[in-house]
Each structure stands twice: as C-alpha cells, then as structure tokens.
C-alpha cells in the first residue's frame, strides 16, 4: 500500500475550498498508511503572533476531526521531534545555491522587500525532511510545490550517495483533485485560508449562515445573466462548481439571484454538520488531546528508525 503524507500549515483559517479540494479527498484516501499533519513549524517562517498560531492550530486540529478524517491518521508536526532533527542533517548536505533558486522563496522575499527569516530560506529542507521521514515513494503535490519535491529528491540522492542508502527517493505525482474552489471576490485565484478573517472572497468553515449568505450575495458575476459554465465567465462558473460540489444542481435556475440563493443553501447545508461536530469536539478537549497524542506517538514510531539510520550514516551514532 502506498504511504500518503499531507500537511496543512495553520497560517490562516480553513475555507470551503480546503474542505472540498483537500480534506474530502484526504478522507476518501485514508487508511493505515495515511499521515495527515498540521505543519505548525512551517508557520514560523514568517512573522507571527504566538497566541494566534496556537489558536489557529487548535482550531484546525478540531476541524480536521470534524471534517471526518480518521483520528489515527492525524498529528501535529512539532509533536514529532524527528522533523526538526532530520532537517539539520539534511541542511548539512543541501546547498545554498539550490535553496536560493526556490521560486517561492524568491517571490515571498520580493513581496516583503526587506530582510527575511533564515527559516524561510531553509524551509524547503524542512519540507524535504517531512517527506523523507515517512519513506513516501510518491508525493502528491500541485505545480507550486513540485520544485520542493525535486529538492527532496536531490538531497536524498546526495545523502545516499555520500553516506549510504537511507532514504527512499520520492517522485512527485499529480493528485486526483477534489473541487477547485475560487475566490468569490476574485475568481481568477483560489480561495485562500490566509487572505484574512474579514476577506469577503473566502468562505471559512466556521462562518455562520448569515455570513455565508452575505459573502455569496456579493460574489462576482457578470452582466450576461445566464446560469451556465463559461471559461470567460469565471465568477458564475465558480458558483456553479461550488453548488455542484456541495450536492446541488444549477439545472433549471434562471438568473444570478436564484443561483446565489441555491449556492448559499447548499453551502450552509454542507457546513452545518461539520460545525455541529466542531462544537462537540470543542466541548471534549480531552478526546482531541488524546487523539493527537496517539497520532504523534504513531509518527514517532515510524520516523525514529529513519532518523536513527540517518544519524548513524552521517557519523553521529
């Protein structure tokens, strides 16, 4: 059975896009070789407020459970020390030149326009450690992460060649995608969990019905007035995609008012059981703590031999 690893960074609030495009496919693919984590270490690469990071991590931890993911598959990255330990060993074989070529580092550095954290520069090595610790032969990624998997491959090959065979060399593969949900205010880009709490284009998983209704009502459409898919009308197409992903249908709908009303009803119905389960979990923190503790223990058991082999190969043990 193919081992699956997927990490979500608590850098914002989970959206409808995360649910339909990622969490639902993750739940469908769950099994004994699935490892789904909250990559809180990744959130440290940019300025952050510790209390906000803790709150976001806690909220996401509950939402992953509420969305139907199996408790046994879940863990929090920082609770598995091997991620940090292997990162340093891999930094000892990674080269500054290849890290400097990372597109995401260049783009984020350019946006900041000032000195950035060293961790942003070395972040791809942490991502490589995430991958190599679990011996995943195939890593499902989008095009924006493909370069990071290539670095993981290069580092694994270099380590194996220099110090002896330790790591499985991964291959990047295109995942079977769930629904692609675009921003309601700017349908040219994906709905983002990092856009900000008050962003009108993102429907967050904990948004109450009245907020969902307001955001959908303000969603960008066009002047055509026809409820049909068209690549030149991304706003309307996005609303139809959301409606169908939530179990509804645009058949027979006439006008954008009817479309937005149907989308609102479908989204509210989709989120209602998740939000109910979230409230139940929030009232039973002991269960949540135990679930993630068990997940972390499972990950430590899996990653410990890999870290030990790397330490021995490089000369530390």
C-alpha atoms as a PDB file:
ATOM      1  CA  UNK A   1       0.000   0.000   0.000  1.00  0.00           C
ATOM      2  CA  UNK A   2       1.289   3.479  -0.939  1.00  0.00           C
ATOM      3  CA  UNK A   3       2.139   5.679   2.022  1.00  0.00           C
ATOM      4  CA  UNK A   4       0.418   9.067   1.891  1.00  0.00           C
ATOM      5  CA  UNK A   5       1.625  12.223   3.625  1.00  0.00           C
ATOM      6  CA  UNK A   6      -0.180  15.565   3.537  1.00  0.00           C
ATOM      7  CA  UNK A   7       0.488  18.614   5.704  1.00  0.00           C
ATOM      8  CA  UNK A   8      -1.584  21.759   6.185  1.00  0.00           C
ATOM      9  CA  UNK A   9       0.025  24.883   7.624  1.00  0.00           C
ATOM     10  CA  UNK A  10      -2.026  26.760  10.270  1.00  0.00           C
ATOM     11  CA  UNK A  11      -1.344  30.105   8.633  1.00  0.00           C
ATOM     12  CA  UNK A  12      -4.984  31.151   8.491  1.00  0.00           C
ATOM     13  CA  UNK A  13      -8.482  29.693   8.747  1.00  0.00           C
ATOM     14  CA  UNK A  14      -9.667  26.677   6.758  1.00  0.00           C
ATOM     15  CA  UNK A  15     -12.027  27.503   3.918  1.00  0.00           C
ATOM     16  CA  UNK A  16     -14.715  25.780   1.901  1.00  0.00           C
ATOM     17  CA  UNK A  17     -12.026  25.328  -0.739  1.00  0.00           C
ATOM     18  CA  UNK A  18      -9.845  23.400   1.722  1.00  0.00           C
ATOM     19  CA  UNK A  19     -12.794  21.179   2.634  1.00  0.00           C
ATOM     20  CA  UNK A  20     -13.902  20.348  -0.895  1.00  0.00           C
ATOM     21  CA  UNK A  21     -10.494  20.364  -2.564  1.00  0.00           C
ATOM     22  CA  UNK A  22      -8.278  18.761   0.101  1.00  0.00           C
ATOM     23  CA  UNK A  23      -9.941  17.417   3.241  1.00  0.00           C
ATOM     24  CA  UNK A  24     -12.636  15.463   1.437  1.00  0.00           C
ATOM     25  CA  UNK A  25     -10.129  13.697  -0.892  1.00  0.00           C
ATOM     26  CA  UNK A  26      -7.850  13.061   2.101  1.00  0.00           C
ATOM     27  CA  UNK A  27     -10.708  11.374   3.958  1.00  0.00           C
ATOM     28  CA  UNK A  28     -11.524   9.270   0.897  1.00  0.00           C
ATOM     29  CA  UNK A  29      -7.897   8.132   0.653  1.00  0.00           C
ATOM     30  CA  UNK A  30      -7.411   7.442   4.363  1.00  0.00           C
ATOM     31  CA  UNK A  31      -6.018   4.121   5.531  1.00  0.00           C
ATOM     32  CA  UNK A  32      -3.288   2.546   7.643  1.00  0.00           C
ATOM     33  CA  UNK A  33      -0.557   4.250   5.605  1.00  0.00           C
ATOM     34  CA  UNK A  34      -2.028   7.758   5.683  1.00  0.00           C
ATOM     35  CA  UNK A  35      -0.322  10.514   7.698  1.00  0.00           C
ATOM     36  CA  UNK A  36      -2.109  13.868   7.811  1.00  0.00           C
ATOM     37  CA  UNK A  37      -0.450  16.619   9.819  1.00  0.00           C
ATOM     38  CA  UNK A  38      -0.665  20.232  10.875  1.00  0.00           C
ATOM     39  CA  UNK A  39       2.677  21.754   9.899  1.00  0.00           C
ATOM     40  CA  UNK A  40       2.975  24.343  12.656  1.00  0.00           C
ATOM     41  CA  UNK A  41       6.758  24.511  12.179  1.00  0.00           C
ATOM     42  CA  UNK A  42       6.164  25.817   8.650  1.00  0.00           C
ATOM     43  CA  UNK A  43       4.176  28.719  10.099  1.00  0.00           C
ATOM     44  CA  UNK A  44       7.302  30.022  11.846  1.00  0.00           C
ATOM     45  CA  UNK A  45       8.984  31.063   8.589  1.00  0.00           C
ATOM     46  CA  UNK A  46       7.181  34.424   8.569  1.00  0.00           C
ATOM     47  CA  UNK A  47       6.393  36.941  11.352  1.00  0.00           C
ATOM     48  CA  UNK A  48       3.585  35.643  13.554  1.00  0.00           C
ATOM     49  CA  UNK A  49       1.954  36.095  16.936  1.00  0.00           C
ATOM     50  CA  UNK A  50       2.455  33.015  19.167  1.00  0.00           C
ATOM     51  CA  UNK A  51      -1.036  33.195  20.660  1.00  0.00           C
ATOM     52  CA  UNK A  52      -2.593  33.395  17.189  1.00  0.00           C
ATOM     53  CA  UNK A  53      -0.543  30.432  15.970  1.00  0.00           C
ATOM     54  CA  UNK A  54      -1.677  28.356  18.941  1.00  0.00           C
ATOM     55  CA  UNK A  55      -5.301  29.358  18.362  1.00  0.00           C
ATOM     56  CA  UNK A  56      -5.138  28.583  14.633  1.00  0.00           C
ATOM     57  CA  UNK A  57      -3.500  25.227  15.287  1.00  0.00           C
ATOM     58  CA  UNK A  58      -6.145  24.310  17.842  1.00  0.00           C
ATOM     59  CA  UNK A  59      -8.971  25.395  15.543  1.00  0.00           C
ATOM     60  CA  UNK A  60      -7.587  23.384  12.627  1.00  0.00           C
ATOM     61  CA  UNK A  61      -6.992  20.345  14.817  1.00  0.00           C
ATOM     62  CA  UNK A  62     -10.686  20.313  15.704  1.00  0.00           C
ATOM     63  CA  UNK A  63     -11.774  20.992  12.127  1.00  0.00           C
ATOM     64  CA  UNK A  64      -9.741  18.094  10.709  1.00  0.00           C
ATOM     65  CA  UNK A  65     -11.524  15.766  13.100  1.00  0.00           C
ATOM     66  CA  UNK A  66     -14.888  17.426  12.451  1.00  0.00           C
ATOM     67  CA  UNK A  67     -14.428  17.041   8.689  1.00  0.00           C
ATOM     68  CA  UNK A  68     -14.346  13.257   9.009  1.00  0.00           C
ATOM     69  CA  UNK A  69     -10.637  12.470   8.939  1.00  0.00           C
ATOM     70  CA  UNK A  70      -9.731   9.375  10.939  1.00  0.00           C
ATOM     71  CA  UNK A  71      -8.154  10.312  14.311  1.00  0.00           C
ATOM     72  CA  UNK A  72      -5.458   7.655  13.843  1.00  0.00           C
ATOM     73  CA  UNK A  73      -4.128   9.487  10.761  1.00  0.00           C
ATOM     74  CA  UNK A  74      -3.693  12.898  12.412  1.00  0.00           C
ATOM     75  CA  UNK A  75      -0.698  14.536  14.079  1.00  0.00           C
ATOM     76  CA  UNK A  76       0.876  17.910  14.794  1.00  0.00           C
ATOM     77  CA  UNK A  77       4.299  18.306  13.216  1.00  0.00           C
ATOM     78  CA  UNK A  78       6.052  19.904  16.196  1.00  0.00           C
ATOM     79  CA  UNK A  79       4.987  16.965  18.388  1.00  0.00           C
ATOM     80  CA  UNK A  80       7.247  14.695  16.330  1.00  0.00           C
ATOM     81  CA  UNK A  81      10.825  15.857  17.088  1.00  0.00           C
ATOM     82  CA  UNK A  82      12.315  13.866  14.209  1.00  0.00           C
ATOM     83  CA  UNK A  83      11.102  16.560  11.787  1.00  0.00           C
ATOM     84  CA  UNK A  84      13.438  19.112  13.355  1.00  0.00           C
ATOM     85  CA  UNK A  85      16.300  16.697  13.908  1.00  0.00           C
ATOM     86  CA  UNK A  86      16.380  15.400  10.345  1.00  0.00           C
ATOM     87  CA  UNK A  87      16.099  18.925   8.967  1.00  0.00           C
ATOM     88  CA  UNK A  88      19.520  19.830  10.368  1.00  0.00           C
ATOM     89  CA  UNK A  89      21.119  16.670   8.970  1.00  0.00           C
ATOM     90  CA  UNK A  90      19.696  17.477   5.547  1.00  0.00           C
ATOM     91  CA  UNK A  91      20.891  21.076   5.814  1.00  0.00           C
ATOM     92  CA  UNK A  92      24.361  19.565   6.077  1.00  0.00           C
ATOM     93  CA  UNK A  93      24.021  18.132   2.560  1.00  0.00           C
ATOM     94  CA  UNK A  94      21.817  20.797   0.922  1.00  0.00           C
ATOM     95  CA  UNK A  95      23.499  23.650  -0.942  1.00  0.00           C
ATOM     96  CA  UNK A  96      22.778  27.359  -0.621  1.00  0.00           C
ATOM     97  CA  UNK A  97      22.651  27.713  -4.399  1.00  0.00           C
ATOM     98  CA  UNK A  98      19.743  25.301  -4.802  1.00  0.00           C
ATOM     99  CA  UNK A  99      17.853  26.888  -1.903  1.00  0.00           C
ATOM    100  CA  UNK A 100      18.343  30.324  -3.430  1.00  0.00           C
ATOM    101  CA  UNK A 101      16.702  29.110  -6.640  1.00  0.00           C
ATOM    102  CA  UNK A 102      13.437  28.173  -4.910  1.00  0.00           C
ATOM    103  CA  UNK A 103      10.691  30.157  -6.634  1.00  0.00           C
ATOM    104  CA  UNK A 104       8.535  30.563  -3.526  1.00  0.00           C
ATOM    105  CA  UNK A 105      11.490  31.976  -1.571  1.00  0.00           C
ATOM    106  CA  UNK A 106      12.172  34.486  -4.351  1.00  0.00           C
ATOM    107  CA  UNK A 107       8.519  35.530  -4.569  1.00  0.00           C
ATOM    108  CA  UNK A 108       7.991  35.893  -0.813  1.00  0.00           C
ATOM    109  CA  UNK A 109      11.283  37.753  -0.395  1.00  0.00           C
ATOM    110  CA  UNK A 110      10.303  40.139  -3.161  1.00  0.00           C
ATOM    111  CA  UNK A 111       6.899  40.804  -1.561  1.00  0.00           C
ATOM    112  CA  UNK A 112       8.461  41.531   1.834  1.00  0.00           C
ATOM    113  CA  UNK A 113      11.027  43.825   0.287  1.00  0.00           C
ATOM    114  CA  UNK A 114      13.333  43.571   3.304  1.00  0.00           C
ATOM    115  CA  UNK A 115      15.391  41.047   5.216  1.00  0.00           C
ATOM    116  CA  UNK A 116      13.526  37.746   5.674  1.00  0.00           C
ATOM    117  CA  UNK A 117      13.890  34.982   8.223  1.00  0.00           C
ATOM    118  CA  UNK A 118      16.560  32.360   7.656  1.00  0.00           C
ATOM    119  CA  UNK A 119      13.867  29.732   8.172  1.00  0.00           C
ATOM    120  CA  UNK A 120      12.111  30.953   5.014  1.00  0.00           C
ATOM    121  CA  UNK A 121      15.333  30.247   3.111  1.00  0.00           C
ATOM    122  CA  UNK A 122      15.775  26.775   4.648  1.00  0.00           C
ATOM    123  CA  UNK A 123      12.067  25.897   4.707  1.00  0.00           C
ATOM    124  CA  UNK A 124      12.392  23.583   1.659  1.00  0.00           C
ATOM    125  CA  UNK A 125      14.825  21.437   3.670  1.00  0.00           C
ATOM    126  CA  UNK A 126      12.242  21.083   6.437  1.00  0.00           C
ATOM    127  CA  UNK A 127       9.746  20.051   3.776  1.00  0.00           C
ATOM    128  CA  UNK A 128      12.251  17.505   2.462  1.00  0.00           C
ATOM    129  CA  UNK A 129      12.619  16.118   5.983  1.00  0.00           C
ATOM    130  CA  UNK A 130       8.823  15.852   6.245  1.00  0.00           C
ATOM    131  CA  UNK A 131       8.755  13.751   3.093  1.00  0.00           C
ATOM    132  CA  UNK A 132      11.821  11.578   3.645  1.00  0.00           C
ATOM    133  CA  UNK A 133      10.976  10.661   7.238  1.00  0.00           C
ATOM    134  CA  UNK A 134       7.938   8.689   6.122  1.00  0.00           C
ATOM    135  CA  UNK A 135       9.524   6.869   3.206  1.00  0.00           C
ATOM    136  CA  UNK A 136       6.872   8.049   0.784  1.00  0.00           C
ATOM    137  CA  UNK A 137       7.650   6.835  -2.739  1.00  0.00           C
ATOM    138  CA  UNK A 138       5.069   9.170  -4.284  1.00  0.00           C
ATOM    139  CA  UNK A 139       4.266  12.691  -3.095  1.00  0.00           C
ATOM    140  CA  UNK A 140       1.020  14.254  -4.356  1.00  0.00           C
ATOM    141  CA  UNK A 141       1.658  17.954  -4.980  1.00  0.00           C
ATOM    142  CA  UNK A 142       0.443  20.827  -7.076  1.00  0.00           C
ATOM    143  CA  UNK A 143       2.715  22.590  -9.526  1.00  0.00           C
ATOM    144  CA  UNK A 144       3.631  25.228  -6.909  1.00  0.00           C
ATOM    145  CA  UNK A 145       5.247  22.547  -4.720  1.00  0.00           C
ATOM    146  CA  UNK A 146       6.867  20.430  -7.424  1.00  0.00           C
ATOM    147  CA  UNK A 147      10.208  22.245  -7.079  1.00  0.00           C
ATOM    148  CA  UNK A 148      10.295  21.366  -3.374  1.00  0.00           C
ATOM    149  CA  UNK A 149       9.844  17.676  -4.128  1.00  0.00           C
ATOM    150  CA  UNK A 150      12.674  17.919  -6.656  1.00  0.00           C
ATOM    151  CA  UNK A 151      14.884  19.317  -3.893  1.00  0.00           C
ATOM    152  CA  UNK A 152      13.864  16.445  -1.617  1.00  0.00           C
ATOM    153  CA  UNK A 153      14.888  14.037  -4.383  1.00  0.00           C
ATOM    154  CA  UNK A 154      18.239  15.756  -4.901  1.00  0.00           C
ATOM    155  CA  UNK A 155      19.013  15.837  -1.184  1.00  0.00           C
ATOM    156  CA  UNK A 156      18.019  12.190  -0.736  1.00  0.00           C
ATOM    157  CA  UNK A 157      20.193  11.056  -3.633  1.00  0.00           C
ATOM    158  CA  UNK A 158      23.141  13.151  -2.423  1.00  0.00           C
ATOM    159  CA  UNK A 159      22.829  11.813   1.125  1.00  0.00           C
ATOM    160  CA  UNK A 160      22.503   8.203  -0.054  1.00  0.00           C
ATOM    161  CA  UNK A 161      25.467   8.563  -2.414  1.00  0.00           C
ATOM    162  CA  UNK A 162      27.696  10.242   0.168  1.00  0.00           C
ATOM    163  CA  UNK A 163      26.804   8.361   3.348  1.00  0.00           C
ATOM    164  CA  UNK A 164      24.997   5.198   2.353  1.00  0.00           C
ATOM    165  CA  UNK A 165      21.489   4.139   1.409  1.00  0.00           C
ATOM    166  CA  UNK A 166      18.998   5.570   3.926  1.00  0.00           C
ATOM    167  CA  UNK A 167      16.183   7.372   2.133  1.00  0.00           C
ATOM    168  CA  UNK A 168      13.537   6.378  -0.356  1.00  0.00           C
ATOM    169  CA  UNK A 169      13.825   8.785  -3.288  1.00  0.00           C
ATOM    170  CA  UNK A 170      10.342  10.246  -3.809  1.00  0.00           C
ATOM    171  CA  UNK A 171       8.523  11.032  -7.030  1.00  0.00           C
ATOM    172  CA  UNK A 172       6.163  13.971  -7.403  1.00  0.00           C
ATOM    173  CA  UNK A 173       2.739  12.931  -8.698  1.00  0.00           C
ATOM    174  CA  UNK A 174      -0.387  14.869  -9.565  1.00  0.00           C
ATOM    175  CA  UNK A 175      -3.117  14.032  -7.054  1.00  0.00           C
ATOM    176  CA  UNK A 176      -6.676  13.254  -8.012  1.00  0.00           C
ATOM    177  CA  UNK A 177      -8.072  16.696  -7.359  1.00  0.00           C
ATOM    178  CA  UNK A 178     -11.205  17.492  -5.447  1.00  0.00           C
ATOM    179  CA  UNK A 179     -13.332  20.506  -6.277  1.00  0.00           C
ATOM    180  CA  UNK A 180     -11.332  23.604  -7.227  1.00  0.00           C
ATOM    181  CA  UNK A 181     -12.938  26.495  -5.366  1.00  0.00           C
ATOM    182  CA  UNK A 182     -12.035  30.008  -6.414  1.00  0.00           C
ATOM    183  CA  UNK A 183     -12.192  33.294  -4.506  1.00  0.00           C
ATOM    184  CA  UNK A 184     -15.706  34.777  -4.585  1.00  0.00           C
ATOM    185  CA  UNK A 185     -14.364  38.318  -4.963  1.00  0.00           C
ATOM    186  CA  UNK A 186     -11.556  37.429  -7.380  1.00  0.00           C
ATOM    187  CA  UNK A 187     -12.389  34.188  -9.231  1.00  0.00           C
ATOM    188  CA  UNK A 188      -9.036  34.250 -11.027  1.00  0.00           C
ATOM    189  CA  UNK A 189      -7.350  32.928  -7.866  1.00  0.00           C
ATOM    190  CA  UNK A 190      -8.060  30.095  -5.430  1.00  0.00           C
ATOM    191  CA  UNK A 191      -9.967  30.687  -2.212  1.00  0.00           C
ATOM    192  CA  UNK A 192      -7.279  31.257   0.419  1.00  0.00           C
ATOM    193  CA  UNK A 193      -7.138  30.467   4.127  1.00  0.00           C
ATOM    194  CA  UNK A 194      -4.531  33.207   4.576  1.00  0.00           C
ATOM    195  CA  UNK A 195      -6.500  36.075   2.999  1.00  0.00           C
ATOM    196  CA  UNK A 196      -7.627  37.476   6.358  1.00  0.00           C
ATOM    197  CA  UNK A 197     -10.578  36.960   8.673  1.00  0.00           C
ATOM    198  CA  UNK A 198     -12.657  39.686   7.049  1.00  0.00           C
ATOM    199  CA  UNK A 199     -11.941  38.731   3.428  1.00  0.00           C
ATOM    200  CA  UNK A 200     -15.229  38.632   1.512  1.00  0.00           C
ATOM    201  CA  UNK A 201     -13.960  36.165  -1.075  1.00  0.00           C
ATOM    202  CA  UNK A 202     -13.272  33.274   1.321  1.00  0.00           C
ATOM    203  CA  UNK A 203     -15.972  31.192   2.991  1.00  0.00           C
ATOM    204  CA  UNK A 204     -14.446  29.894   6.208  1.00  0.00           C
ATOM    205  CA  UNK A 205     -15.597  26.595   7.645  1.00  0.00           C
ATOM    206  CA  UNK A 206     -16.860  28.248  10.823  1.00  0.00           C
ATOM    207  CA  UNK A 207     -18.703  31.093   9.099  1.00  0.00           C
ATOM    208  CA  UNK A 208     -22.315  31.272  10.368  1.00  0.00           C
ATOM    209  CA  UNK A 209     -25.150  31.094   7.792  1.00  0.00           C
ATOM    210  CA  UNK A 210     -25.719  34.856   7.701  1.00  0.00           C
ATOM    211  CA  UNK A 211     -22.040  35.455   6.870  1.00  0.00           C
ATOM    212  CA  UNK A 212     -22.131  32.792   4.149  1.00  0.00           C
ATOM    213  CA  UNK A 213     -25.238  34.402   2.686  1.00  0.00           C
ATOM    214  CA  UNK A 214     -23.640  37.850   2.667  1.00  0.00           C
ATOM    215  CA  UNK A 215     -20.422  36.629   1.013  1.00  0.00           C
ATOM    216  CA  UNK A 216     -22.241  34.660  -1.679  1.00  0.00           C
ATOM    217  CA  UNK A 217     -24.600  37.584  -2.336  1.00  0.00           C
ATOM    218  CA  UNK A 218     -21.561  39.786  -3.027  1.00  0.00           C
ATOM    219  CA  UNK A 219     -19.780  37.212  -5.209  1.00  0.00           C
ATOM    220  CA  UNK A 220     -18.516  38.493  -8.548  1.00  0.00           C
ATOM    221  CA  UNK A 221     -20.629  37.503 -11.559  1.00  0.00           C
ATOM    222  CA  UNK A 222     -21.075  39.421 -14.838  1.00  0.00           C
ATOM    223  CA  UNK A 223     -23.717  41.156 -16.941  1.00  0.00           C
ATOM    224  CA  UNK A 224     -24.706  38.171 -19.095  1.00  0.00           C
ATOM    225  CA  UNK A 225     -27.352  36.912 -16.674  1.00  0.00           C
ATOM    226  CA  UNK A 226     -27.128  33.323 -17.934  1.00  0.00           C
ATOM    227  CA  UNK A 227     -26.544  30.481 -15.461  1.00  0.00           C
ATOM    228  CA  UNK A 228     -24.041  28.362 -17.392  1.00  0.00           C
ATOM    229  CA  UNK A 229     -20.344  27.466 -17.336  1.00  0.00           C
ATOM    230  CA  UNK A 230     -18.037  29.522 -19.498  1.00  0.00           C
ATOM    231  CA  UNK A 231     -14.286  29.996 -19.148  1.00  0.00           C
ATOM    232  CA  UNK A 232     -14.783  33.661 -19.980  1.00  0.00           C
ATOM    233  CA  UNK A 233     -17.208  33.994 -17.037  1.00  0.00           C
ATOM    234  CA  UNK A 234     -15.178  32.639 -14.107  1.00  0.00           C
ATOM    235  CA  UNK A 235     -17.372  34.096 -11.349  1.00  0.00           C
ATOM    236  CA  UNK A 236     -20.541  32.337 -12.495  1.00  0.00           C
ATOM    237  CA  UNK A 237     -18.622  29.150 -13.284  1.00  0.00           C
ATOM    238  CA  UNK A 238     -17.162  29.170  -9.781  1.00  0.00           C
ATOM    239  CA  UNK A 239     -20.602  29.492  -8.183  1.00  0.00           C
ATOM    240  CA  UNK A 240     -21.903  26.573 -10.255  1.00  0.00           C
ATOM    241  CA  UNK A 241     -18.855  24.483  -9.281  1.00  0.00           C
ATOM    242  CA  UNK A 242     -19.425  25.241  -5.594  1.00  0.00           C
ATOM    243  CA  UNK A 243     -23.108  24.401  -5.879  1.00  0.00           C
ATOM    244  CA  UNK A 244     -22.456  21.033  -7.507  1.00  0.00           C
ATOM    245  CA  UNK A 245     -19.561  20.175  -5.159  1.00  0.00           C
ATOM    246  CA  UNK A 246     -21.978  20.716  -2.261  1.00  0.00           C
ATOM    247  CA  UNK A 247     -24.526  18.348  -3.781  1.00  0.00           C
ATOM    248  CA  UNK A 248     -26.750  20.865  -5.551  1.00  0.00           C
ATOM    249  CA  UNK A 249     -27.576  21.455  -9.202  1.00  0.00           C
ATOM    250  CA  UNK A 250     -27.819  24.551 -11.384  1.00  0.00           C
ATOM    251  CA  UNK A 251     -30.272  22.869 -13.739  1.00  0.00           C
ATOM    252  CA  UNK A 252     -33.357  24.985 -14.200  1.00  0.00           C
ATOM    253  CA  UNK A 253     -32.001  28.022 -12.375  1.00  0.00           C
ATOM    254  CA  UNK A 254     -32.818  31.311 -14.019  1.00  0.00           C
ATOM    255  CA  UNK A 255     -30.835  34.383 -13.063  1.00  0.00           C
ATOM    256  CA  UNK A 256     -27.992  35.033 -10.668  1.00  0.00           C
ATOM    257  CA  UNK A 257     -30.267  35.703  -7.720  1.00  0.00           C
ATOM    258  CA  UNK A 258     -31.614  32.155  -7.908  1.00  0.00           C
ATOM    259  CA  UNK A 259     -28.081  30.802  -8.398  1.00  0.00           C
ATOM    260  CA  UNK A 260     -26.700  32.623  -5.358  1.00  0.00           C
ATOM    261  CA  UNK A 261     -29.648  31.539  -3.233  1.00  0.00           C
ATOM    262  CA  UNK A 262     -29.095  27.901  -4.222  1.00  0.00           C
ATOM    263  CA  UNK A 263     -25.353  28.175  -3.546  1.00  0.00           C
ATOM    264  CA  UNK A 264     -25.981  29.668  -0.109  1.00  0.00           C
ATOM    265  CA  UNK A 265     -28.427  26.914   0.849  1.00  0.00           C
ATOM    266  CA  UNK A 266     -26.050  24.184  -0.387  1.00  0.00           C
ATOM    267  CA  UNK A 267     -23.014  25.620   1.410  1.00  0.00           C
ATOM    268  CA  UNK A 268     -24.907  26.131   4.674  1.00  0.00           C
ATOM    269  CA  UNK A 269     -26.169  22.540   4.470  1.00  0.00           C
ATOM    270  CA  UNK A 270     -22.622  21.321   3.795  1.00  0.00           C
ATOM    271  CA  UNK A 271     -21.143  23.198   6.749  1.00  0.00           C
ATOM    272  CA  UNK A 272     -23.905  22.590   9.285  1.00  0.00           C
ATOM    273  CA  UNK A 273     -22.911  19.032  10.364  1.00  0.00           C
ATOM    274  CA  UNK A 274     -19.221  19.968  10.385  1.00  0.00           C
ATOM    275  CA  UNK A 275     -19.874  22.971  12.613  1.00  0.00           C
ATOM    276  CA  UNK A 276     -22.064  20.870  14.911  1.00  0.00           C
ATOM    277  CA  UNK A 277     -19.284  18.279  15.252  1.00  0.00           C
ATOM    278  CA  UNK A 278     -16.754  21.077  15.828  1.00  0.00           C
ATOM    279  CA  UNK A 279     -18.774  22.379  18.774  1.00  0.00           C
ATOM    280  CA  UNK A 280     -18.990  18.869  20.211  1.00  0.00           C
ATOM    281  CA  UNK A 281     -15.239  18.418  19.934  1.00  0.00           C
ATOM    282  CA  UNK A 282     -14.587  21.851  21.434  1.00  0.00           C
ATOM    283  CA  UNK A 283     -16.527  20.685  24.492  1.00  0.00           C
ATOM    284  CA  UNK A 284     -14.456  17.481  24.733  1.00  0.00           C
ATOM    285  CA  UNK A 285     -10.860  18.691  24.634  1.00  0.00           C
ATOM    286  CA  UNK A 286      -9.613  15.572  26.401  1.00  0.00           C
ATOM    287  CA  UNK A 287     -10.672  13.430  23.431  1.00  0.00           C
ATOM    288  CA  UNK A 288      -8.974  15.784  20.974  1.00  0.00           C
ATOM    289  CA  UNK A 289      -5.763  15.875  23.024  1.00  0.00           C
ATOM    290  CA  UNK A 290      -5.692  12.077  23.281  1.00  0.00           C
ATOM    291  CA  UNK A 291      -6.356  11.658  19.558  1.00  0.00           C
ATOM    292  CA  UNK A 292      -3.450  13.880  18.524  1.00  0.00           C
ATOM    293  CA  UNK A 293      -1.165  12.416  21.190  1.00  0.00           C
ATOM    294  CA  UNK A 294      -1.837   8.941  19.789  1.00  0.00           C
ATOM    295  CA  UNK A 295      -1.201  10.211  16.272  1.00  0.00           C
ATOM    296  CA  UNK A 296       2.104  11.776  17.289  1.00  0.00           C
ATOM    297  CA  UNK A 297       3.163   8.559  19.036  1.00  0.00           C
ATOM    298  CA  UNK A 298       2.414   6.622  15.842  1.00  0.00           C
ATOM    299  CA  UNK A 299       4.518   9.077  13.836  1.00  0.00           C
ATOM    300  CA  UNK A 300       7.412   8.887  16.302  1.00  0.00           C
ATOM    301  CA  UNK A 301       7.387   5.113  15.969  1.00  0.00           C
ATOM    302  CA  UNK A 302       7.521   5.336  12.181  1.00  0.00           C
ATOM    303  CA  UNK A 303      10.115   8.116  11.944  1.00  0.00           C
ATOM    304  CA  UNK A 304      12.519   7.064  14.717  1.00  0.00           C
ATOM    305  CA  UNK A 305      14.213   4.278  12.696  1.00  0.00           C
ATOM    306  CA  UNK A 306      14.682   6.608   9.712  1.00  0.00           C
ATOM    307  CA  UNK A 307      16.265   9.319  11.847  1.00  0.00           C
ATOM    308  CA  UNK A 308      18.472   6.766  13.625  1.00  0.00           C
ATOM    309  CA  UNK A 309      19.670   5.365  10.305  1.00  0.00           C
ATOM    310  CA  UNK A 310      20.468   8.878   9.026  1.00  0.00           C
ATOM    311  CA  UNK A 311      22.362   9.741  12.227  1.00  0.00           C
ATOM    312  CA  UNK A 312      24.385   6.524  12.030  1.00  0.00           C
ATOM    313  CA  UNK A 313      25.160   7.023   8.345  1.00  0.00           C
ATOM    314  CA  UNK A 314      26.368  10.586   8.787  1.00  0.00           C
ATOM    315  CA  UNK A 315      28.591   9.619  11.722  1.00  0.00           C
ATOM    316  CA  UNK A 316      26.646  10.637  14.823  1.00  0.00           C
ATOM    317  CA  UNK A 317      25.972   7.169  16.191  1.00  0.00           C
END
